[in-house]
């Protein structure tokens, strides 16, 4: 039997991922970080 290494059906996905959840989580974390940076900048600016 000749094996075709390019056949995706023969390769088991070792770590299945939910791409939408990964993108949504990345967006939420980045958004939260930017909100913290924004409020820190506002507080620093107000104190100057």
N, C-alpha and C. Protein backbone atom coordinates (compact mmCIF):
# COMPACT_ATOMS: atom_id res chain seq x y z
N UNK A 1 0.84 -1.19 0.00
CA UNK A 1 0.00 0.00 0.00
C UNK A 1 0.88 1.25 0.00
N UNK A 2 0.64 2.10 -0.95
CA UNK A 2 1.42 3.33 -1.04
C UNK A 2 0.73 4.42 -0.23
N UNK A 3 1.48 5.05 0.68
CA UNK A 3 0.91 6.09 1.52
C UNK A 3 1.12 7.46 0.88
N UNK A 4 0.07 8.24 0.87
CA UNK A 4 0.15 9.59 0.35
C UNK A 4 0.27 10.54 1.54
N UNK A 5 1.47 11.14 1.70
CA UNK A 5 1.70 11.99 2.87
C UNK A 5 0.95 13.30 2.78
N UNK A 6 0.41 13.63 1.61
CA UNK A 6 -0.34 14.88 1.45
C UNK A 6 -1.83 14.70 1.64
N UNK A 7 -2.27 13.48 1.95
CA UNK A 7 -3.69 13.24 2.17
C UNK A 7 -4.05 13.66 3.59
N UNK A 8 -4.86 14.72 3.76
CA UNK A 8 -5.16 15.20 5.11
C UNK A 8 -5.98 14.22 5.94
N UNK A 9 -6.64 13.26 5.28
CA UNK A 9 -7.44 12.29 6.03
C UNK A 9 -6.56 11.32 6.83
N UNK A 10 -5.29 11.23 6.44
CA UNK A 10 -4.40 10.30 7.14
C UNK A 10 -3.74 10.93 8.36
N UNK A 11 -3.87 12.24 8.52
CA UNK A 11 -3.21 12.93 9.62
C UNK A 11 -4.23 13.28 10.70
N UNK A 12 -3.98 12.80 11.90
CA UNK A 12 -4.88 13.06 13.02
C UNK A 12 -4.55 14.45 13.57
N UNK A 13 -5.58 15.22 13.80
CA UNK A 13 -5.40 16.54 14.40
C UNK A 13 -5.10 16.35 15.89
N UNK A 14 -3.84 16.57 16.27
CA UNK A 14 -3.43 16.29 17.64
C UNK A 14 -4.12 17.20 18.64
N UNK A 15 -4.31 18.46 18.28
CA UNK A 15 -4.88 19.44 19.20
C UNK A 15 -5.97 20.23 18.50
N UNK A 16 -7.20 19.74 18.53
CA UNK A 16 -8.27 20.47 17.84
C UNK A 16 -8.50 21.83 18.48
N UNK A 17 -8.69 22.83 17.65
CA UNK A 17 -8.85 24.21 18.13
C UNK A 17 -10.16 24.77 17.59
N UNK A 18 -10.74 25.66 18.37
CA UNK A 18 -11.89 26.42 17.91
C UNK A 18 -11.38 27.80 17.52
N UNK A 19 -11.22 28.02 16.22
CA UNK A 19 -10.60 29.26 15.74
C UNK A 19 -11.41 30.49 16.14
N UNK A 20 -12.73 30.40 16.08
CA UNK A 20 -13.55 31.56 16.43
C UNK A 20 -13.37 31.91 17.90
N UNK A 21 -13.34 30.91 18.75
CA UNK A 21 -13.16 31.19 20.19
C UNK A 21 -11.77 31.77 20.44
N UNK A 22 -10.76 31.29 19.75
CA UNK A 22 -9.41 31.83 19.90
C UNK A 22 -9.36 33.31 19.49
N UNK A 23 -9.98 33.64 18.37
CA UNK A 23 -9.99 35.02 17.90
C UNK A 23 -10.79 35.90 18.86
N UNK A 24 -11.94 35.41 19.30
CA UNK A 24 -12.78 36.18 20.21
C UNK A 24 -12.05 36.42 21.53
N UNK A 25 -11.37 35.40 22.04
CA UNK A 25 -10.63 35.55 23.30
C UNK A 25 -9.47 36.54 23.12
N UNK A 26 -8.76 36.44 22.03
CA UNK A 26 -7.68 37.38 21.76
C UNK A 26 -8.18 38.80 21.65
N UNK A 27 -9.32 38.99 20.97
CA UNK A 27 -9.90 40.32 20.85
C UNK A 27 -10.30 40.86 22.22
N UNK A 28 -10.95 40.02 23.04
CA UNK A 28 -11.43 40.45 24.35
C UNK A 28 -10.26 40.82 25.27
N UNK A 29 -9.20 40.00 25.24
CA UNK A 29 -8.04 40.28 26.10
C UNK A 29 -7.34 41.56 25.65
N UNK A 30 -7.18 41.74 24.34
CA UNK A 30 -6.52 42.95 23.84
C UNK A 30 -7.37 44.18 24.15
N UNK A 31 -8.69 44.06 23.99
CA UNK A 31 -9.58 45.17 24.29
C UNK A 31 -9.50 45.55 25.77
N UNK A 32 -9.51 44.55 26.66
CA UNK A 32 -9.41 44.82 28.10
C UNK A 32 -8.08 45.49 28.43
N UNK A 33 -7.01 45.03 27.81
CA UNK A 33 -5.69 45.63 28.05
C UNK A 33 -5.68 47.08 27.60
N UNK A 34 -6.27 47.36 26.44
CA UNK A 34 -6.29 48.73 25.94
C UNK A 34 -7.16 49.63 26.81
N UNK A 35 -8.24 49.11 27.38
CA UNK A 35 -9.06 49.89 28.30
C UNK A 35 -8.25 50.25 29.53
N UNK A 36 -7.48 49.31 30.06
CA UNK A 36 -6.64 49.58 31.23
C UNK A 36 -5.59 50.64 30.88
N UNK A 37 -4.96 50.51 29.72
CA UNK A 37 -3.95 51.50 29.31
C UNK A 37 -4.60 52.87 29.15
N UNK A 38 -5.81 52.93 28.57
CA UNK A 38 -6.51 54.20 28.38
C UNK A 38 -6.77 54.87 29.73
N UNK A 39 -7.34 54.13 30.69
CA UNK A 39 -7.66 54.74 31.98
C UNK A 39 -6.40 55.12 32.75
N UNK A 40 -5.35 54.33 32.61
CA UNK A 40 -4.07 54.70 33.24
C UNK A 40 -3.55 56.00 32.66
N UNK A 41 -3.66 56.16 31.35
CA UNK A 41 -3.19 57.38 30.69
C UNK A 41 -4.04 58.58 31.13
N UNK A 42 -5.35 58.39 31.26
CA UNK A 42 -6.23 59.47 31.70
C UNK A 42 -5.88 59.90 33.13
N UNK A 43 -5.66 58.93 34.00
CA UNK A 43 -5.32 59.23 35.39
C UNK A 43 -3.97 59.94 35.47
N UNK A 44 -3.00 59.46 34.71
CA UNK A 44 -1.67 60.11 34.71
C UNK A 44 -1.78 61.52 34.16
N UNK A 45 -2.54 61.69 33.08
CA UNK A 45 -2.70 63.02 32.48
C UNK A 45 -3.40 63.98 33.46
N UNK A 46 -4.39 63.49 34.18
CA UNK A 46 -5.14 64.33 35.13
C UNK A 46 -4.23 64.75 36.29
N UNK A 47 -3.27 63.95 36.65
CA UNK A 47 -2.39 64.26 37.78
C UNK A 47 -1.24 65.18 37.40
N UNK A 48 -1.03 65.34 36.12
CA UNK A 48 0.09 66.21 35.69
C UNK A 48 -0.35 67.68 35.74
